[in-house]
Amino acid sequence: MSEKQATILIVDDEEMVRRLLHQKLSSEGYRCEEAGDADQALDELKSKPVALVILDIKMPGKSGTELLPEIKASYPDTAVIMATAITDTRTAIQCMKEGAYDYITKPFNLDEVVLSIDRALEKRRLELENRDYQQHLEQRVEAQARKIRASFLSAITALAYALEAKDKYTSGHSRRVAETSVAIATELGMPQDSIEKIKLA
């Protein structure tokens, strides 16, 4: 999904504000949903993936400042932009410290709103890509480590067999000792990495 097809949730108790933002953002190619209060916002977030929330700071009932930590705790990948009156910028800045990406002031400059949204979604995209890369990198490193351990074990086993082959009385002795030791360690519930070390020893 391109960023311009991302779903944006507009949370504001003023219907005219929601309509204004909805109309502008829809014309920019975004999918928009609306919520008039915190409960409606949470219902929307539960029902569908939301890339970004525009959250009014002052609403009847649960305020935007109270809703923000709930959103970030339950939907950490959802970007949040706070909407506030010009006189309330101090609260908006505090919200940014608590996880909001940015704040926009009323009355809105719609071009600035779109710019803030574009930046927030780009930052979100980069963070998701970086996390995905790190996860795949860890998986590749672990897979490579398993291959190295397997090759090392094969080399040790081959060396042990070669040494034992010189004496028919000790043939298979190392393998039997290793199998017995591993069985005992497994029965004792030892960690897998410890069992591997015992097997190699």
C-alpha atoms as a PDB file:
ATOM      1  CA  MET A   1       0.000   0.000   0.000  1.00  0.00           C
ATOM      2  CA  SER A   2       1.353   3.445  -0.926  1.00  0.00           C
ATOM      3  CA  GLU A   3       1.365   6.159   1.717  1.00  0.00           C
ATOM      4  CA  LYS A   4      -1.279   8.064  -0.240  1.00  0.00           C
ATOM      5  CA  GLN A   5      -3.658   5.114   0.209  1.00  0.00           C
ATOM      6  CA  ALA A   6      -3.097   5.005   3.959  1.00  0.00           C
ATOM      7  CA  THR A   7      -6.093   5.250   6.272  1.00  0.00           C
ATOM      8  CA  ILE A   8      -6.267   8.380   8.420  1.00  0.00           C
ATOM      9  CA  LEU A   9      -8.588   8.645  11.407  1.00  0.00           C
ATOM     10  CA  ILE A  10      -9.813  12.162  12.211  1.00  0.00           C
ATOM     11  CA  VAL A  11     -10.808  12.475  15.866  1.00  0.00           C
ATOM     12  CA  ASP A  12     -12.536  15.740  16.782  1.00  0.00           C
ATOM     13  CA  ASP A  13     -15.808  16.564  18.535  1.00  0.00           C
ATOM     14  CA  GLU A  14     -16.534  19.333  15.997  1.00  0.00           C
ATOM     15  CA  GLU A  15     -18.218  17.906  12.912  1.00  0.00           C
ATOM     16  CA  MET A  16     -17.247  20.872  10.724  1.00  0.00           C
ATOM     17  CA  VAL A  17     -13.579  20.330  11.568  1.00  0.00           C
ATOM     18  CA  ARG A  18     -13.844  16.650  10.673  1.00  0.00           C
ATOM     19  CA  ARG A  19     -15.567  17.453   7.378  1.00  0.00           C
ATOM     20  CA  LEU A  20     -12.967  20.063   6.463  1.00  0.00           C
ATOM     21  CA  LEU A  21     -10.055  17.695   7.068  1.00  0.00           C
ATOM     22  CA  HIS A  22     -11.860  14.749   5.488  1.00  0.00           C
ATOM     23  CA  GLN A  23     -12.545  16.674   2.286  1.00  0.00           C
ATOM     24  CA  LYS A  24      -8.977  17.956   1.980  1.00  0.00           C
ATOM     25  CA  LEU A  25      -7.282  14.651   2.769  1.00  0.00           C
ATOM     26  CA  SER A  26      -9.593  12.672   0.490  1.00  0.00           C
ATOM     27  CA  SER A  27      -8.689  15.028  -2.350  1.00  0.00           C
ATOM     28  CA  GLU A  28      -5.042  14.201  -1.621  1.00  0.00           C
ATOM     29  CA  GLY A  29      -5.745  10.491  -2.065  1.00  0.00           C
ATOM     30  CA  TYR A  30      -5.970   9.411   1.564  1.00  0.00           C
ATOM     31  CA  ARG A  31      -8.672   7.163   2.962  1.00  0.00           C
ATOM     32  CA  CYS A  32     -10.397   8.910   5.854  1.00  0.00           C
ATOM     33  CA  GLU A  33     -12.477   7.782   8.803  1.00  0.00           C
ATOM     34  CA  GLU A  34     -14.044  10.008  11.443  1.00  0.00           C
ATOM     35  CA  ALA A  35     -14.691   9.799  15.179  1.00  0.00           C
ATOM     36  CA  GLY A  36     -16.420  12.349  17.382  1.00  0.00           C
ATOM     37  CA  ASP A  37     -14.999  11.174  20.684  1.00  0.00           C
ATOM     38  CA  ALA A  38     -12.471   8.823  22.273  1.00  0.00           C
ATOM     39  CA  ASP A  39     -14.773   5.798  22.386  1.00  0.00           C
ATOM     40  CA  GLN A  40     -15.602   6.075  18.692  1.00  0.00           C
ATOM     41  CA  ALA A  41     -11.905   6.481  17.940  1.00  0.00           C
ATOM     42  CA  LEU A  42     -11.010   3.282  19.788  1.00  0.00           C
ATOM     43  CA  ASP A  43     -13.789   1.419  17.964  1.00  0.00           C
ATOM     44  CA  GLU A  44     -12.400   2.592  14.620  1.00  0.00           C
ATOM     45  CA  LEU A  45      -8.876   1.560  15.581  1.00  0.00           C
ATOM     46  CA  LYS A  46     -10.101  -1.905  16.552  1.00  0.00           C
ATOM     47  CA  SER A  47     -12.051  -2.391  13.336  1.00  0.00           C
ATOM     48  CA  LYS A  48      -9.381  -1.605  10.751  1.00  0.00           C
ATOM     49  CA  PRO A  49      -5.658  -0.796  10.336  1.00  0.00           C
ATOM     50  CA  VAL A  50      -5.068   2.940  10.739  1.00  0.00           C
ATOM     51  CA  ALA A  51      -1.779   4.487   9.674  1.00  0.00           C
ATOM     52  CA  LEU A  52      -2.277   7.891  11.277  1.00  0.00           C
ATOM     53  CA  VAL A  53      -4.615   9.616  13.733  1.00  0.00           C
ATOM     54  CA  ILE A  54      -5.326  13.338  13.813  1.00  0.00           C
ATOM     55  CA  LEU A  55      -6.309  13.768  17.449  1.00  0.00           C
ATOM     56  CA  ASP A  56      -7.977  16.840  18.936  1.00  0.00           C
ATOM     57  CA  ILE A  57      -6.481  17.663  22.310  1.00  0.00           C
ATOM     58  CA  LYS A  58      -9.627  19.037  23.954  1.00  0.00           C
ATOM     59  CA  MET A  59     -12.774  16.931  23.598  1.00  0.00           C
ATOM     60  CA  PRO A  60     -15.728  16.316  25.923  1.00  0.00           C
ATOM     61  CA  GLY A  61     -15.251  13.229  28.049  1.00  0.00           C
ATOM     62  CA  LYS A  62     -11.859  11.650  27.509  1.00  0.00           C
ATOM     63  CA  SER A  63      -9.487  14.245  26.087  1.00  0.00           C
ATOM     64  CA  GLY A  64      -6.934  13.747  23.366  1.00  0.00           C
ATOM     65  CA  THR A  65      -4.125  13.913  25.905  1.00  0.00           C
ATOM     66  CA  GLU A  66      -5.746  11.015  27.785  1.00  0.00           C
ATOM     67  CA  LEU A  67      -6.401   9.014  24.627  1.00  0.00           C
ATOM     68  CA  LEU A  68      -2.887   9.426  23.202  1.00  0.00           C
ATOM     69  CA  PRO A  69      -1.117   6.980  25.574  1.00  0.00           C
ATOM     70  CA  GLU A  70      -3.848   4.387  24.975  1.00  0.00           C
ATOM     71  CA  ILE A  71      -3.331   4.616  21.225  1.00  0.00           C
ATOM     72  CA  LYS A  72       0.457   4.398  21.474  1.00  0.00           C
ATOM     73  CA  ALA A  73       0.251   1.452  23.885  1.00  0.00           C
ATOM     74  CA  SER A  74      -2.204  -0.597  21.811  1.00  0.00           C
ATOM     75  CA  TYR A  75      -1.224   0.596  18.317  1.00  0.00           C
ATOM     76  CA  PRO A  76       2.457   1.590  18.487  1.00  0.00           C
ATOM     77  CA  ASP A  77       2.790   1.603  14.688  1.00  0.00           C
ATOM     78  CA  THR A  78       0.059   4.224  14.309  1.00  0.00           C
ATOM     79  CA  ALA A  79       1.360   7.770  13.940  1.00  0.00           C
ATOM     80  CA  VAL A  80      -0.467  10.509  15.853  1.00  0.00           C
ATOM     81  CA  ILE A  81      -0.698  14.216  15.092  1.00  0.00           C
ATOM     82  CA  MET A  82      -2.311  16.405  17.746  1.00  0.00           C
ATOM     83  CA  ALA A  83      -4.730  19.177  16.808  1.00  0.00           C
ATOM     84  CA  THR A  84      -4.910  22.182  19.103  1.00  0.00           C
ATOM     85  CA  ALA A  85      -5.821  25.834  19.453  1.00  0.00           C
ATOM     86  CA  ILE A  86      -2.936  28.274  19.101  1.00  0.00           C
ATOM     87  CA  THR A  87      -3.067  29.025  22.831  1.00  0.00           C
ATOM     88  CA  ASP A  88      -2.573  25.355  23.747  1.00  0.00           C
ATOM     89  CA  THR A  89       0.756  24.640  22.049  1.00  0.00           C
ATOM     90  CA  ARG A  90       2.504  23.842  25.338  1.00  0.00           C
ATOM     91  CA  THR A  91       0.202  20.862  25.850  1.00  0.00           C
ATOM     92  CA  ALA A  92       0.780  19.790  22.248  1.00  0.00           C
ATOM     93  CA  ILE A  93       4.544  19.822  22.748  1.00  0.00           C
ATOM     94  CA  GLN A  94       4.117  17.700  25.871  1.00  0.00           C
ATOM     95  CA  CYS A  95       2.097  15.240  23.781  1.00  0.00           C
ATOM     96  CA  MET A  96       5.002  14.989  21.348  1.00  0.00           C
ATOM     97  CA  LYS A  97       7.213  13.955  24.234  1.00  0.00           C
ATOM     98  CA  GLU A  98       4.692  11.190  24.929  1.00  0.00           C
ATOM     99  CA  GLY A  99       4.752   9.787  21.408  1.00  0.00           C
ATOM    100  CA  ALA A 100       2.849  12.133  19.103  1.00  0.00           C
ATOM    101  CA  TYR A 101       4.728  12.921  15.879  1.00  0.00           C
ATOM    102  CA  ASP A 102       3.636  16.541  15.478  1.00  0.00           C
ATOM    103  CA  TYR A 103       0.878  19.024  16.234  1.00  0.00           C
ATOM    104  CA  ILE A 104      -1.238  21.245  14.005  1.00  0.00           C
ATOM    105  CA  THR A 105      -2.973  24.420  15.143  1.00  0.00           C
ATOM    106  CA  LYS A 106      -6.492  25.699  14.576  1.00  0.00           C
ATOM    107  CA  PRO A 107      -7.570  27.363  12.380  1.00  0.00           C
ATOM    108  CA  PHE A 108      -5.824  24.933  10.044  1.00  0.00           C
ATOM    109  CA  ASN A 109      -3.558  25.782   7.158  1.00  0.00           C
ATOM    110  CA  LEU A 110      -4.575  22.749   5.119  1.00  0.00           C
ATOM    111  CA  ASP A 111      -1.393  22.657   3.056  1.00  0.00           C
ATOM    112  CA  GLU A 112       0.643  22.533   6.266  1.00  0.00           C
ATOM    113  CA  VAL A 113      -1.613  19.760   7.572  1.00  0.00           C
ATOM    114  CA  VAL A 114      -0.938  17.678   4.463  1.00  0.00           C
ATOM    115  CA  LEU A 115       2.799  18.337   4.741  1.00  0.00           C
ATOM    116  CA  SER A 116       2.821  17.220   8.380  1.00  0.00           C
ATOM    117  CA  ILE A 117       0.899  14.061   7.494  1.00  0.00           C
ATOM    118  CA  ASP A 118       3.249  13.250   4.616  1.00  0.00           C
ATOM    119  CA  ARG A 119       6.271  13.595   6.893  1.00  0.00           C
ATOM    120  CA  ALA A 120       4.700  11.528   9.657  1.00  0.00           C
ATOM    121  CA  LEU A 121       3.802   8.703   7.285  1.00  0.00           C
ATOM    122  CA  GLU A 122       7.257   8.756   5.696  1.00  0.00           C
ATOM    123  CA  LYS A 123       8.861   8.468   9.136  1.00  0.00           C
ATOM    124  CA  ARG A 124       6.477   5.622   9.968  1.00  0.00           C
ATOM    125  CA  ARG A 125       7.332   3.833   6.708  1.00  0.00           C
ATOM    126  CA  LEU A 126      11.067   4.071   7.370  1.00  0.00           C
ATOM    127  CA  GLU A 127      10.659   2.793  10.931  1.00  0.00           C
ATOM    128  CA  LEU A 128       8.609  -0.200   9.765  1.00  0.00           C
ATOM    129  CA  GLU A 129      11.101  -1.004   7.005  1.00  0.00           C
ATOM    130  CA  ASN A 130      14.021  -0.764   9.426  1.00  0.00           C
ATOM    131  CA  ARG A 131      12.319  -3.052  11.929  1.00  0.00           C
ATOM    132  CA  ASP A 132      11.512  -5.561   9.198  1.00  0.00           C
ATOM    133  CA  TYR A 133      15.133  -5.467   8.012  1.00  0.00           C
ATOM    134  CA  GLN A 134      16.445  -6.032  11.542  1.00  0.00           C
ATOM    135  CA  GLN A 135      14.125  -9.000  12.045  1.00  0.00           C
ATOM    136  CA  HIS A 136      15.200 -10.605   8.767  1.00  0.00           C
ATOM    137  CA  LEU A 137      18.848  -9.879   9.556  1.00  0.00           C
ATOM    138  CA  GLU A 138      18.552 -11.647  12.910  1.00  0.00           C
ATOM    139  CA  GLN A 139      16.913 -14.625  11.208  1.00  0.00           C
ATOM    140  CA  ARG A 140      19.690 -14.819   8.612  1.00  0.00           C
ATOM    141  CA  VAL A 141      22.394 -14.578  11.283  1.00  0.00           C
ATOM    142  CA  GLU A 142      20.755 -17.344  13.313  1.00  0.00           C
ATOM    143  CA  ALA A 143      20.409 -19.563  10.222  1.00  0.00           C
ATOM    144  CA  GLN A 144      24.078 -19.036   9.372  1.00  0.00           C
ATOM    145  CA  ALA A 145      25.080 -19.803  12.961  1.00  0.00           C
ATOM    146  CA  ARG A 146      23.143 -23.081  12.802  1.00  0.00           C
ATOM    147  CA  LYS A 147      24.959 -24.035   9.598  1.00  0.00           C
ATOM    148  CA  ILE A 148      28.331 -23.282  11.186  1.00  0.00           C
ATOM    149  CA  ARG A 149      27.468 -25.329  14.280  1.00  0.00           C
ATOM    150  CA  ALA A 150      26.334 -28.226  12.103  1.00  0.00           C
ATOM    151  CA  SER A 151      29.526 -28.118  10.024  1.00  0.00           C
ATOM    152  CA  PHE A 152      31.675 -27.944  13.153  1.00  0.00           C
ATOM    153  CA  LEU A 153      29.851 -30.900  14.702  1.00  0.00           C
ATOM    154  CA  SER A 154      30.272 -32.923  11.507  1.00  0.00           C
ATOM    155  CA  ALA A 155      34.001 -32.170  11.445  1.00  0.00           C
ATOM    156  CA  ILE A 156      34.447 -33.154  15.113  1.00  0.00           C
ATOM    157  CA  THR A 157      32.448 -36.351  14.605  1.00  0.00           C
ATOM    158  CA  ALA A 158      34.460 -37.303  11.537  1.00  0.00           C
ATOM    159  CA  LEU A 159      37.718 -36.684  13.405  1.00  0.00           C
ATOM    160  CA  ALA A 160      36.565 -38.794  16.354  1.00  0.00           C
ATOM    161  CA  TYR A 161      35.573 -41.661  14.062  1.00  0.00           C
ATOM    162  CA  ALA A 162      38.918 -41.443  12.255  1.00  0.00           C
ATOM    163  CA  LEU A 163      40.822 -41.678  15.531  1.00  0.00           C
ATOM    164  CA  GLU A 164      38.674 -44.541  16.836  1.00  0.00           C
ATOM    165  CA  ALA A 165      39.016 -46.477  13.590  1.00  0.00           C
ATOM    166  CA  LYS A 166      42.664 -47.088  14.437  1.00  0.00           C
ATOM    167  CA  ASP A 167      41.627 -49.144  17.477  1.00  0.00           C
ATOM    168  CA  LYS A 168      38.797 -51.659  17.148  1.00  0.00           C
ATOM    169  CA  TYR A 169      38.329 -51.726  20.941  1.00  0.00           C
ATOM    170  CA  THR A 170      37.477 -48.005  21.135  1.00  0.00           C
ATOM    171  CA  SER A 171      35.429 -47.865  17.940  1.00  0.00           C
ATOM    172  CA  GLY A 172      32.198 -45.904  18.539  1.00  0.00           C
ATOM    173  CA  HIS A 173      33.177 -45.043  22.094  1.00  0.00           C
ATOM    174  CA  SER A 174      33.010 -41.245  21.616  1.00  0.00           C
ATOM    175  CA  ARG A 175      29.630 -41.464  19.931  1.00  0.00           C
ATOM    176  CA  ARG A 176      28.193 -43.625  22.710  1.00  0.00           C
ATOM    177  CA  VAL A 177      29.554 -41.304  25.401  1.00  0.00           C
ATOM    178  CA  ALA A 178      28.108 -38.279  23.598  1.00  0.00           C
ATOM    179  CA  GLU A 179      24.693 -39.898  23.173  1.00  0.00           C
ATOM    180  CA  THR A 180      24.576 -40.964  26.810  1.00  0.00           C
ATOM    181  CA  SER A 181      25.654 -37.534  28.030  1.00  0.00           C
ATOM    182  CA  VAL A 182      23.062 -35.798  25.862  1.00  0.00           C
ATOM    183  CA  ALA A 183      20.338 -38.144  27.087  1.00  0.00           C
ATOM    184  CA  ILE A 184      21.218 -37.422  30.721  1.00  0.00           C
ATOM    185  CA  ALA A 185      21.370 -33.661  30.127  1.00  0.00           C
ATOM    186  CA  THR A 186      17.999 -33.737  28.352  1.00  0.00           C
ATOM    187  CA  GLU A 187      16.442 -35.719  31.179  1.00  0.00           C
ATOM    188  CA  LEU A 188      17.756 -33.150  33.653  1.00  0.00           C
ATOM    189  CA  GLY A 189      16.079 -30.370  31.648  1.00  0.00           C
ATOM    190  CA  MET A 190      19.263 -28.501  30.840  1.00  0.00           C
ATOM    191  CA  PRO A 191      19.133 -25.624  28.298  1.00  0.00           C
ATOM    192  CA  GLN A 192      19.602 -26.567  24.647  1.00  0.00           C
ATOM    193  CA  ASP A 193      22.826 -24.568  24.287  1.00  0.00           C
ATOM    194  CA  SER A 194      24.308 -26.426  27.276  1.00  0.00           C
ATOM    195  CA  ILE A 195      23.292 -29.756  25.750  1.00  0.00           C
ATOM    196  CA  GLU A 196      25.036 -28.802  22.507  1.00  0.00           C
ATOM    197  CA  LYS A 197      28.228 -28.003  24.422  1.00  0.00           C
ATOM    198  CA  ILE A 198      28.067 -31.370  26.208  1.00  0.00           C
ATOM    199  CA  LYS A 199      27.587 -33.118  22.878  1.00  0.00           C
ATOM    200  CA  LEU A 200      30.644 -31.419  21.415  1.00  0.00           C
ATOM    201  CA  ALA A 201      32.748 -32.119  24.508  1.00  0.00           C
END
